[in-house]
Amino acid sequence: MKKLCYTICVVLLAACGGSKPTDNNVEAVTQVQEKSSLLPEAFNASFDKLLHDYYALRDALTADDTAAANTATASLIEASAAVKLDELKSIDTTNIIIPTAKTYTDGISAEGKGLISKTKIDDKRKSFQMISAGLFDLIRTVRYDKEKIYLLHCPMAFDNAGADWLNNAKEIKNPYFGKNMLTCGEVKDSVVFR
């Protein structure tokens, strides 16, 4: 009887693929999950830099660190001006995407300069709200498709008027209240063009 149970277990294990996947199988699965972007690589590289600097600003405000917020914003301003919008000519057949995107990148730069000039963190957070709105609209305009972007919302920000911010995960770390109410917020929307 024990032999029969042992034999059945061995057969079931073999039938279910009881071995570990090979590295080749893991790579194939990873490549399938990472779909290629429809946007030019040069554009994506410049846009990734913009997002990276935005996330650094968000993290600085979450940590209540005005000096780090200023440093991240200076990088964000440079990245906004350096987004390679001309690379989108092949997909902008109506000549609407590039000029619209340009208004958003200019707005992000202008609001960034305003953020740096403010000394109080609450005033910086108001500018951050405008940067977040402009960046979300920019993402939808250019149809950025390298990663899913979440629009998170804090209903209590600015005397319960509410405010949004962007994240590449559903995790809530509130930049409007920082350490005081770190997990206040909810996922409001997401953008994924994959």
N, C-alpha and C. Protein backbone atom coordinates (compact mmCIF):
# COMPACT_ATOMS: atom_id res chain seq x y z
N MET A 1 0.82 -1.19 0.00
CA MET A 1 0.00 0.00 0.00
C MET A 1 0.87 1.26 0.00
N LYS A 2 1.95 1.23 0.80
CA LYS A 2 2.85 2.38 0.85
C LYS A 2 3.52 2.59 -0.49
N LYS A 3 3.87 1.48 -1.16
CA LYS A 3 4.49 1.59 -2.47
C LYS A 3 3.55 2.23 -3.47
N LEU A 4 2.27 1.87 -3.40
CA LEU A 4 1.27 2.41 -4.31
C LEU A 4 1.11 3.92 -4.09
N CYS A 5 1.01 4.35 -2.84
CA CYS A 5 0.89 5.78 -2.52
C CYS A 5 2.11 6.55 -3.00
N TYR A 6 3.29 5.96 -2.77
CA TYR A 6 4.53 6.60 -3.21
C TYR A 6 4.55 6.73 -4.73
N THR A 7 4.16 5.72 -5.44
CA THR A 7 4.14 5.72 -6.90
C THR A 7 3.15 6.76 -7.42
N ILE A 8 2.00 6.84 -6.82
CA ILE A 8 0.99 7.83 -7.23
C ILE A 8 1.52 9.24 -7.01
N CYS A 9 2.16 9.49 -5.89
CA CYS A 9 2.73 10.83 -5.61
C CYS A 9 3.78 11.20 -6.63
N VAL A 10 4.64 10.25 -6.99
CA VAL A 10 5.68 10.52 -7.96
C VAL A 10 5.07 10.82 -9.32
N VAL A 11 4.06 10.06 -9.72
CA VAL A 11 3.40 10.28 -11.01
C VAL A 11 2.71 11.64 -11.02
N LEU A 12 2.01 12.00 -9.96
CA LEU A 12 1.33 13.30 -9.89
C LEU A 12 2.33 14.45 -9.93
N LEU A 13 3.41 14.30 -9.22
CA LEU A 13 4.43 15.34 -9.20
C LEU A 13 5.01 15.54 -10.60
N ALA A 14 5.27 14.46 -11.28
CA ALA A 14 5.82 14.54 -12.64
C ALA A 14 4.80 15.15 -13.59
N ALA A 15 3.53 14.77 -13.44
CA ALA A 15 2.49 15.28 -14.33
C ALA A 15 2.25 16.77 -14.11
N CYS A 16 2.42 17.23 -12.90
CA CYS A 16 2.19 18.65 -12.59
C CYS A 16 3.42 19.50 -12.85
N GLY A 17 4.46 18.91 -13.37
CA GLY A 17 5.67 19.69 -13.65
C GLY A 17 6.37 20.06 -12.38
N GLY A 18 6.64 19.09 -11.57
CA GLY A 18 7.21 19.32 -10.26
C GLY A 18 8.63 19.85 -10.26
N SER A 19 9.21 20.10 -11.39
CA SER A 19 10.56 20.64 -11.40
C SER A 19 10.52 22.16 -11.44
N LYS A 20 11.62 22.77 -11.07
CA LYS A 20 11.73 24.22 -11.12
C LYS A 20 11.82 24.68 -12.57
N PRO A 21 11.27 25.88 -12.87
CA PRO A 21 11.40 26.37 -14.23
C PRO A 21 12.85 26.72 -14.53
N THR A 22 13.25 26.50 -15.76
CA THR A 22 14.61 26.85 -16.15
C THR A 22 14.72 28.36 -16.29
N ASP A 23 15.94 28.86 -16.30
CA ASP A 23 16.15 30.29 -16.48
C ASP A 23 15.57 30.77 -17.79
N ASN A 24 15.63 29.95 -18.82
CA ASN A 24 15.07 30.33 -20.12
C ASN A 24 13.57 30.55 -20.02
N ASN A 25 12.88 29.68 -19.28
CA ASN A 25 11.43 29.84 -19.12
C ASN A 25 11.11 31.12 -18.35
N VAL A 26 11.88 31.43 -17.31
CA VAL A 26 11.66 32.64 -16.52
C VAL A 26 11.87 33.87 -17.40
N GLU A 27 12.93 33.86 -18.21
CA GLU A 27 13.18 34.99 -19.10
C GLU A 27 12.06 35.16 -20.10
N ALA A 28 11.55 34.06 -20.64
CA ALA A 28 10.47 34.14 -21.62
C ALA A 28 9.22 34.73 -21.00
N VAL A 29 8.89 34.30 -19.78
CA VAL A 29 7.72 34.84 -19.09
C VAL A 29 7.91 36.33 -18.82
N THR A 30 9.10 36.73 -18.38
CA THR A 30 9.38 38.14 -18.11
C THR A 30 9.24 38.97 -19.38
N GLN A 31 9.74 38.46 -20.48
CA GLN A 31 9.65 39.21 -21.73
C GLN A 31 8.21 39.35 -22.19
N VAL A 32 7.39 38.34 -21.98
CA VAL A 32 5.99 38.43 -22.36
C VAL A 32 5.29 39.48 -21.51
N GLN A 33 5.63 39.52 -20.20
CA GLN A 33 4.99 40.48 -19.31
C GLN A 33 5.40 41.92 -19.64
N GLU A 34 6.63 42.13 -20.07
CA GLU A 34 7.11 43.46 -20.40
C GLU A 34 6.85 43.73 -21.87
N LYS A 35 5.67 44.24 -22.16
CA LYS A 35 5.34 44.53 -23.54
C LYS A 35 6.16 45.73 -24.01
N SER A 36 6.48 45.72 -25.25
CA SER A 36 7.26 46.83 -25.77
C SER A 36 6.36 48.06 -25.93
N SER A 37 6.95 49.19 -25.80
CA SER A 37 6.23 50.45 -25.91
C SER A 37 5.98 50.80 -27.37
N LEU A 38 4.89 51.47 -27.61
CA LEU A 38 4.59 51.97 -28.95
C LEU A 38 5.26 53.32 -29.20
N LEU A 39 5.81 53.90 -28.15
CA LEU A 39 6.45 55.21 -28.26
C LEU A 39 7.94 55.03 -28.51
N PRO A 40 8.57 56.02 -29.16
CA PRO A 40 10.01 55.93 -29.44
C PRO A 40 10.83 55.84 -28.15
N GLU A 41 11.91 55.08 -28.19
CA GLU A 41 12.74 54.86 -27.01
C GLU A 41 13.35 56.16 -26.48
N ALA A 42 13.77 57.06 -27.38
CA ALA A 42 14.36 58.32 -26.94
C ALA A 42 13.33 59.15 -26.15
N PHE A 43 12.08 59.13 -26.61
CA PHE A 43 11.03 59.83 -25.88
C PHE A 43 10.84 59.18 -24.51
N ASN A 44 10.72 57.85 -24.50
CA ASN A 44 10.49 57.14 -23.24
C ASN A 44 11.60 57.39 -22.23
N ALA A 45 12.84 57.43 -22.69
CA ALA A 45 13.95 57.68 -21.77
C ALA A 45 13.82 59.06 -21.13
N SER A 46 13.47 60.05 -21.93
CA SER A 46 13.31 61.41 -21.39
C SER A 46 12.09 61.50 -20.46
N PHE A 47 11.04 60.78 -20.80
CA PHE A 47 9.83 60.80 -19.98
C PHE A 47 10.05 60.04 -18.67
N ASP A 48 10.80 58.95 -18.73
CA ASP A 48 11.13 58.22 -17.52
C ASP A 48 11.88 59.10 -16.53
N LYS A 49 12.78 59.95 -17.03
CA LYS A 49 13.53 60.89 -16.19
C LYS A 49 12.57 61.87 -15.52
N LEU A 50 11.59 62.37 -16.29
CA LEU A 50 10.59 63.28 -15.74
C LEU A 50 9.82 62.61 -14.60
N LEU A 51 9.37 61.38 -14.82
CA LEU A 51 8.64 60.66 -13.79
C LEU A 51 9.51 60.40 -12.56
N HIS A 52 10.76 60.01 -12.80
CA HIS A 52 11.69 59.76 -11.69
C HIS A 52 11.83 61.02 -10.82
N ASP A 53 11.99 62.18 -11.44
CA ASP A 53 12.14 63.42 -10.69
C ASP A 53 10.85 63.81 -9.98
N TYR A 54 9.71 63.54 -10.62
CA TYR A 54 8.43 63.79 -9.96
C TYR A 54 8.30 62.93 -8.71
N TYR A 55 8.64 61.64 -8.84
CA TYR A 55 8.55 60.75 -7.68
C TYR A 55 9.50 61.18 -6.56
N ALA A 56 10.65 61.73 -6.92
CA ALA A 56 11.59 62.24 -5.91
C ALA A 56 10.97 63.43 -5.18
N LEU A 57 10.28 64.30 -5.91
CA LEU A 57 9.60 65.44 -5.29
C LEU A 57 8.49 64.94 -4.37
N ARG A 58 7.70 64.01 -4.85
CA ARG A 58 6.63 63.44 -4.03
C ARG A 58 7.19 62.86 -2.73
N ASP A 59 8.29 62.11 -2.85
CA ASP A 59 8.89 61.50 -1.67
C ASP A 59 9.44 62.54 -0.70
N ALA A 60 9.99 63.62 -1.22
CA ALA A 60 10.52 64.69 -0.36
C ALA A 60 9.38 65.36 0.42
N LEU A 61 8.26 65.60 -0.25
CA LEU A 61 7.12 66.20 0.44
C LEU A 61 6.52 65.23 1.46
N THR A 62 6.53 63.95 1.13
CA THR A 62 6.05 62.93 2.06
C THR A 62 6.91 62.91 3.32
N ALA A 63 8.20 63.16 3.15
CA ALA A 63 9.13 63.19 4.28
C ALA A 63 9.20 64.56 4.95
N ASP A 64 8.39 65.51 4.50
CA ASP A 64 8.38 66.88 5.04
C ASP A 64 9.73 67.56 4.90
N ASP A 65 10.44 67.29 3.83
CA ASP A 65 11.80 67.78 3.62
C ASP A 65 11.80 68.86 2.51
N THR A 66 11.79 70.13 2.92
CA THR A 66 11.71 71.22 1.94
C THR A 66 12.98 71.34 1.10
N ALA A 67 14.15 71.08 1.69
CA ALA A 67 15.40 71.17 0.92
C ALA A 67 15.43 70.11 -0.17
N ALA A 68 15.06 68.88 0.17
CA ALA A 68 15.01 67.81 -0.84
C ALA A 68 13.94 68.10 -1.88
N ALA A 69 12.84 68.72 -1.47
CA ALA A 69 11.78 69.08 -2.42
C ALA A 69 12.31 70.10 -3.43
N ASN A 70 13.09 71.06 -2.97
CA ASN A 70 13.67 72.05 -3.89
C ASN A 70 14.65 71.41 -4.86
N THR A 71 15.48 70.50 -4.37
CA THR A 71 16.44 69.81 -5.22
C THR A 71 15.73 68.97 -6.27
N ALA A 72 14.72 68.22 -5.84
CA ALA A 72 13.96 67.38 -6.78
C ALA A 72 13.23 68.24 -7.80
N THR A 73 12.71 69.38 -7.36
CA THR A 73 11.98 70.25 -8.28
C THR A 73 12.90 70.86 -9.32
N ALA A 74 14.11 71.22 -8.92
CA ALA A 74 15.08 71.75 -9.90
C ALA A 74 15.35 70.70 -10.98
N SER A 75 15.50 69.44 -10.59
CA SER A 75 15.69 68.37 -11.56
C SER A 75 14.45 68.16 -12.41
N LEU A 76 13.28 68.29 -11.79
CA LEU A 76 12.01 68.13 -12.49
C LEU A 76 11.85 69.21 -13.57
N ILE A 77 12.24 70.43 -13.25
CA ILE A 77 12.16 71.52 -14.23
C ILE A 77 13.04 71.21 -15.44
N GLU A 78 14.26 70.77 -15.18
CA GLU A 78 15.17 70.41 -16.28
C GLU A 78 14.61 69.25 -17.10
N ALA A 79 14.09 68.24 -16.41
CA ALA A 79 13.55 67.06 -17.11
C ALA A 79 12.33 67.43 -17.94
N SER A 80 11.53 68.33 -17.43
CA SER A 80 10.33 68.77 -18.16
C SER A 80 10.71 69.46 -19.46
N ALA A 81 11.73 70.30 -19.40
CA ALA A 81 12.20 71.01 -20.60
C ALA A 81 12.89 70.05 -21.57
N ALA A 82 13.40 68.93 -21.06
CA ALA A 82 14.17 68.00 -21.88
C ALA A 82 13.35 66.84 -22.46
N VAL A 83 12.04 66.80 -22.18
CA VAL A 83 11.22 65.73 -22.74
C VAL A 83 11.27 65.84 -24.27
N LYS A 84 11.60 64.76 -24.92
CA LYS A 84 11.81 64.75 -26.38
C LYS A 84 10.47 64.60 -27.12
N LEU A 85 9.70 65.66 -27.08
CA LEU A 85 8.38 65.64 -27.71
C LEU A 85 8.48 65.48 -29.23
N ASP A 86 9.55 65.99 -29.84
CA ASP A 86 9.71 65.87 -31.29
C ASP A 86 9.77 64.41 -31.74
N GLU A 87 10.14 63.52 -30.84
CA GLU A 87 10.19 62.10 -31.17
C GLU A 87 8.80 61.52 -31.44
N LEU A 88 7.76 62.27 -31.08
CA LEU A 88 6.38 61.80 -31.25
C LEU A 88 5.79 62.16 -32.62
N LYS A 89 6.60 62.76 -33.49
CA LYS A 89 6.08 63.18 -34.80
C LYS A 89 5.45 62.04 -35.58
N SER A 90 5.99 60.87 -35.47
CA SER A 90 5.45 59.74 -36.24
C SER A 90 4.05 59.32 -35.78
N ILE A 91 3.71 59.58 -34.52
CA ILE A 91 2.38 59.21 -34.04
C ILE A 91 1.43 60.41 -33.97
N ASP A 92 1.95 61.61 -34.11
CA ASP A 92 1.13 62.82 -34.02
C ASP A 92 0.67 63.22 -35.42
N THR A 93 -0.19 62.41 -36.01
CA THR A 93 -0.63 62.66 -37.39
C THR A 93 -1.55 63.86 -37.51
N THR A 94 -2.18 64.26 -36.43
CA THR A 94 -3.10 65.41 -36.47
C THR A 94 -2.45 66.69 -35.97
N ASN A 95 -1.18 66.61 -35.57
CA ASN A 95 -0.44 67.76 -35.04
C ASN A 95 -1.13 68.38 -33.82
N ILE A 96 -1.65 67.52 -32.97
CA ILE A 96 -2.31 67.97 -31.74
C ILE A 96 -1.53 67.53 -30.51
N ILE A 97 -0.96 66.34 -30.56
CA ILE A 97 -0.31 65.76 -29.38
C ILE A 97 0.88 66.60 -28.93
N ILE A 98 1.78 66.91 -29.84
CA ILE A 98 3.01 67.63 -29.46
C ILE A 98 2.71 69.02 -28.90
N PRO A 99 1.90 69.85 -29.58
CA PRO A 99 1.62 71.17 -29.00
C PRO A 99 0.89 71.11 -27.66
N THR A 100 -0.02 70.15 -27.52
CA THR A 100 -0.73 70.00 -26.25
C THR A 100 0.23 69.55 -25.15
N ALA A 101 1.07 68.58 -25.47
CA ALA A 101 2.05 68.10 -24.50
C ALA A 101 3.01 69.22 -24.11
N LYS A 102 3.38 70.06 -25.05
CA LYS A 102 4.28 71.19 -24.78
C LYS A 102 3.66 72.15 -23.76
N THR A 103 2.36 72.38 -23.85
CA THR A 103 1.72 73.27 -22.87
C THR A 103 1.81 72.66 -21.47
N TYR A 104 1.69 71.34 -21.39
CA TYR A 104 1.79 70.69 -20.07
C TYR A 104 3.22 70.72 -19.54
N THR A 105 4.21 70.45 -20.38
CA THR A 105 5.60 70.48 -19.89
C THR A 105 5.98 71.91 -19.47
N ASP A 106 5.51 72.90 -20.23
CA ASP A 106 5.76 74.30 -19.85
C ASP A 106 5.09 74.64 -18.52
N GLY A 107 3.87 74.15 -18.34
CA GLY A 107 3.14 74.39 -17.09
C GLY A 107 3.83 73.74 -15.90
N ILE A 108 4.33 72.53 -16.09
CA ILE A 108 5.05 71.83 -15.03
C ILE A 108 6.30 72.63 -14.64
N SER A 109 7.02 73.13 -15.65
CA SER A 109 8.23 73.93 -15.37
C SER A 109 7.88 75.20 -14.62
N ALA A 110 6.85 75.89 -15.07
CA ALA A 110 6.46 77.15 -14.43
C ALA A 110 6.02 76.91 -12.98
N GLU A 111 5.22 75.89 -12.77
CA GLU A 111 4.76 75.60 -11.41
C GLU A 111 5.92 75.13 -10.54
N GLY A 112 6.88 74.43 -11.14
CA GLY A 112 8.08 74.02 -10.40
C GLY A 112 8.88 75.22 -9.92
N LYS A 113 9.02 76.23 -10.78
CA LYS A 113 9.73 77.45 -10.38
C LYS A 113 9.00 78.13 -9.24
N GLY A 114 7.67 78.12 -9.29
CA GLY A 114 6.89 78.68 -8.19
C GLY A 114 7.09 77.91 -6.90
N LEU A 115 7.16 76.59 -7.00
CA LEU A 115 7.36 75.75 -5.82
C LEU A 115 8.68 76.07 -5.15
N ILE A 116 9.73 76.20 -5.94
CA ILE A 116 11.05 76.50 -5.37
C ILE A 116 11.06 77.84 -4.65
N SER A 117 10.32 78.80 -5.16
CA SER A 117 10.33 80.15 -4.57
C SER A 117 9.57 80.22 -3.24
N LYS A 118 8.77 79.23 -2.94
CA LYS A 118 7.99 79.23 -1.71
C LYS A 118 8.81 78.64 -0.57
N THR A 119 8.63 79.20 0.63
CA THR A 119 9.41 78.75 1.77
C THR A 119 8.64 77.76 2.65
N LYS A 120 7.33 77.90 2.75
CA LYS A 120 6.53 77.02 3.61
C LYS A 120 6.17 75.74 2.86
N ILE A 121 6.23 74.64 3.58
CA ILE A 121 5.95 73.34 2.95
C ILE A 121 4.52 73.25 2.47
N ASP A 122 3.57 73.86 3.18
CA ASP A 122 2.18 73.81 2.72
C ASP A 122 2.01 74.53 1.38
N ASP A 123 2.75 75.62 1.20
CA ASP A 123 2.70 76.33 -0.08
C ASP A 123 3.34 75.49 -1.19
N LYS A 124 4.41 74.79 -0.85
CA LYS A 124 5.05 73.90 -1.82
C LYS A 124 4.08 72.79 -2.23
N ARG A 125 3.32 72.31 -1.27
CA ARG A 125 2.35 71.24 -1.56
C ARG A 125 1.24 71.73 -2.49
N LYS A 126 0.87 72.99 -2.41
CA LYS A 126 -0.13 73.53 -3.34
C LYS A 126 0.41 73.53 -4.77
N SER A 127 1.67 73.90 -4.91
CA SER A 127 2.30 73.86 -6.24
C SER A 127 2.42 72.42 -6.72
N PHE A 128 2.73 71.52 -5.81
CA PHE A 128 2.84 70.11 -6.15
C PHE A 128 1.51 69.58 -6.70
N GLN A 129 0.42 70.04 -6.13
CA GLN A 129 -0.91 69.65 -6.61
C GLN A 129 -1.07 70.03 -8.09
N MET A 130 -0.64 71.22 -8.45
CA MET A 130 -0.75 71.68 -9.84
C MET A 130 0.19 70.89 -10.75
N ILE A 131 1.38 70.59 -10.27
CA ILE A 131 2.33 69.78 -11.04
C ILE A 131 1.74 68.39 -11.29
N SER A 132 1.14 67.83 -10.26
CA SER A 132 0.53 66.49 -10.39
C SER A 132 -0.57 66.48 -11.43
N ALA A 133 -1.42 67.50 -11.41
CA ALA A 133 -2.52 67.58 -12.38
C ALA A 133 -1.97 67.71 -13.80
N GLY A 134 -0.97 68.56 -13.97
CA GLY A 134 -0.37 68.74 -15.30
C GLY A 134 0.31 67.48 -15.80
N LEU A 135 1.01 66.78 -14.91
CA LEU A 135 1.70 65.57 -15.31
C LEU A 135 0.71 64.46 -15.67
N PHE A 136 -0.38 64.35 -14.93
CA PHE A 136 -1.39 63.34 -15.24
C PHE A 136 -1.99 63.60 -16.63
N ASP A 137 -2.29 64.86 -16.91
CA ASP A 137 -2.81 65.20 -18.24
C ASP A 137 -1.77 64.94 -19.33
N LEU A 138 -0.51 65.21 -19.03
CA LEU A 138 0.56 64.95 -19.99
C LEU A 138 0.67 63.45 -20.29
N ILE A 139 0.59 62.63 -19.27
CA ILE A 139 0.66 61.17 -19.44
C ILE A 139 -0.46 60.70 -20.36
N ARG A 140 -1.66 61.23 -20.15
CA ARG A 140 -2.79 60.82 -21.00
C ARG A 140 -2.66 61.37 -22.42
N THR A 141 -2.08 62.55 -22.56
CA THR A 141 -1.92 63.16 -23.89
C THR A 141 -0.95 62.37 -24.75
N VAL A 142 0.20 62.02 -24.19
CA VAL A 142 1.22 61.32 -24.97
C VAL A 142 0.99 59.81 -24.98
N ARG A 143 0.05 59.35 -24.16
CA ARG A 143 -0.29 57.93 -24.05
C ARG A 143 0.94 57.11 -23.62
N TYR A 144 1.58 57.59 -22.58
CA TYR A 144 2.76 56.91 -22.02
C TYR A 144 2.38 55.48 -21.66
N ASP A 145 3.14 54.52 -22.18
CA ASP A 145 2.72 53.12 -22.06
C ASP A 145 3.76 52.19 -21.46
N LYS A 146 4.77 52.73 -20.79
CA LYS A 146 5.80 51.86 -20.22
C LYS A 146 5.41 51.29 -18.86
N GLU A 147 4.54 51.96 -18.14
CA GLU A 147 4.12 51.45 -16.83
C GLU A 147 2.74 52.00 -16.50
N LYS A 148 2.09 51.33 -15.59
CA LYS A 148 0.78 51.78 -15.12
C LYS A 148 1.00 52.89 -14.10
N ILE A 149 0.29 53.98 -14.27
CA ILE A 149 0.39 55.12 -13.36
C ILE A 149 -0.94 55.25 -12.62
N TYR A 150 -0.85 55.36 -11.30
CA TYR A 150 -2.04 55.51 -10.47
C TYR A 150 -2.23 56.96 -10.07
N LEU A 151 -3.46 57.40 -10.09
CA LEU A 151 -3.83 58.72 -9.58
C LEU A 151 -4.42 58.48 -8.20
N LEU A 152 -3.72 58.96 -7.18
CA LEU A 152 -4.15 58.79 -5.79
C LEU A 152 -4.77 60.09 -5.32
N HIS A 153 -5.68 59.98 -4.36
CA HIS A 153 -6.43 61.16 -3.92
C HIS A 153 -6.47 61.22 -2.40
N CYS A 154 -6.22 62.41 -1.88
CA CYS A 154 -6.37 62.67 -0.45
C CYS A 154 -7.57 63.59 -0.28
N PRO A 155 -8.67 63.11 0.27
CA PRO A 155 -9.87 63.94 0.40
C PRO A 155 -9.75 65.05 1.45
N MET A 156 -8.78 64.94 2.34
CA MET A 156 -8.67 65.91 3.43
C MET A 156 -7.68 67.04 3.15
N ALA A 157 -6.95 66.96 2.06
CA ALA A 157 -5.94 67.99 1.75
C ALA A 157 -6.61 69.34 1.53
N PHE A 158 -5.91 70.38 1.92
CA PHE A 158 -6.33 71.76 1.69
C PHE A 158 -7.75 72.01 2.22
N ASP A 159 -7.91 71.77 3.53
CA ASP A 159 -9.19 71.99 4.21
C ASP A 159 -10.34 71.23 3.56
N ASN A 160 -10.09 69.97 3.30
CA ASN A 160 -11.07 69.03 2.74
C ASN A 160 -11.47 69.32 1.30
N ALA A 161 -10.68 70.15 0.61
CA ALA A 161 -10.94 70.37 -0.83
C ALA A 161 -10.44 69.16 -1.62
N GLY A 162 -9.44 68.47 -1.08
CA GLY A 162 -8.89 67.29 -1.73
C GLY A 162 -7.78 67.63 -2.70
N ALA A 163 -6.92 66.67 -2.92
CA ALA A 163 -5.80 66.85 -3.86
C ALA A 163 -5.33 65.48 -4.33
N ASP A 164 -4.77 65.46 -5.54
CA ASP A 164 -4.30 64.22 -6.16
C ASP A 164 -2.79 64.21 -6.27
N TRP A 165 -2.25 63.00 -6.42
CA TRP A 165 -0.84 62.83 -6.75
C TRP A 165 -0.70 61.53 -7.52
N LEU A 166 0.46 61.33 -8.13
CA LEU A 166 0.71 60.17 -8.98
C LEU A 166 1.66 59.19 -8.30
N ASN A 167 1.48 57.92 -8.64
CA ASN A 167 2.36 56.89 -8.12
C ASN A 167 2.40 55.74 -9.13
N ASN A 168 3.45 54.95 -9.08
CA ASN A 168 3.55 53.79 -9.95
C ASN A 168 3.14 52.51 -9.22
N ALA A 169 2.51 52.66 -8.06
CA ALA A 169 1.96 51.55 -7.28
C ALA A 169 0.75 52.06 -6.51
N LYS A 170 -0.04 51.13 -5.99
CA LYS A 170 -1.25 51.52 -5.25
C LYS A 170 -0.95 51.95 -3.82
N GLU A 171 0.29 51.84 -3.41
CA GLU A 171 0.68 52.16 -2.04
C GLU A 171 0.43 53.64 -1.73
N ILE A 172 -0.18 53.89 -0.58
CA ILE A 172 -0.50 55.26 -0.16
C ILE A 172 0.59 55.77 0.77
N LYS A 173 1.28 56.82 0.33
CA LYS A 173 2.20 57.59 1.17
C LYS A 173 1.90 59.04 0.82
N ASN A 174 1.14 59.69 1.65
CA ASN A 174 0.53 60.98 1.36
C ASN A 174 1.53 62.14 1.39
N PRO A 175 1.77 62.81 0.25
CA PRO A 175 2.69 63.94 0.23
C PRO A 175 2.07 65.24 0.75
N TYR A 176 0.75 65.25 0.94
CA TYR A 176 0.09 66.48 1.40
C TYR A 176 0.08 66.61 2.91
N PHE A 177 0.18 65.49 3.62
CA PHE A 177 0.23 65.52 5.08
C PHE A 177 1.53 64.96 5.63
N GLY A 178 2.29 64.27 4.79
CA GLY A 178 3.56 63.73 5.23
C GLY A 178 3.40 62.80 6.42
N LYS A 179 4.26 62.97 7.39
CA LYS A 179 4.29 62.07 8.55
C LYS A 179 3.02 62.16 9.40
N ASN A 180 2.30 63.29 9.33
CA ASN A 180 1.12 63.48 10.16
C ASN A 180 -0.01 62.50 9.81
N MET A 181 -0.19 62.25 8.51
CA MET A 181 -1.25 61.32 8.07
C MET A 181 -0.75 60.58 6.84
N LEU A 182 0.26 59.78 7.03
CA LEU A 182 0.98 59.15 5.92
C LEU A 182 0.11 58.28 5.03
N THR A 183 -0.86 57.59 5.59
CA THR A 183 -1.64 56.64 4.80
C THR A 183 -3.04 57.15 4.44
N CYS A 184 -3.26 58.44 4.59
CA CYS A 184 -4.56 59.01 4.21
C CYS A 184 -4.63 59.11 2.69
N GLY A 185 -5.61 58.48 2.10
CA GLY A 185 -5.79 58.58 0.67
C GLY A 185 -6.38 57.32 0.08
N GLU A 186 -6.64 57.38 -1.22
CA GLU A 186 -7.23 56.25 -1.93
C GLU A 186 -6.84 56.31 -3.40
N VAL A 187 -6.95 55.19 -4.07
CA VAL A 187 -6.70 55.17 -5.51
C VAL A 187 -7.95 55.73 -6.19
N LYS A 188 -7.75 56.75 -6.98
CA LYS A 188 -8.86 57.43 -7.66
C LYS A 188 -9.00 56.96 -9.10
N ASP A 189 -7.87 56.72 -9.76
CA ASP A 189 -7.88 56.38 -11.18
C ASP A 189 -6.54 55.74 -11.52
N SER A 190 -6.43 55.25 -12.73
CA SER A 190 -5.15 54.75 -13.22
C SER A 190 -5.11 54.92 -14.71
N VAL A 191 -3.89 54.97 -15.23
CA VAL A 191 -3.70 55.08 -16.66
C VAL A 191 -2.76 53.98 -17.09
N VAL A 192 -3.18 53.18 -18.02
CA VAL A 192 -2.33 52.15 -18.58
C VAL A 192 -2.69 52.02 -20.06
N PHE A 193 -1.71 52.25 -20.90
CA PHE A 193 -1.93 52.20 -22.35
C PHE A 193 -1.25 50.99 -22.96
N ARG A 194 -1.03 49.92 -22.19
CA ARG A 194 -0.38 48.71 -22.69
C ARG A 194 -1.36 47.87 -23.46
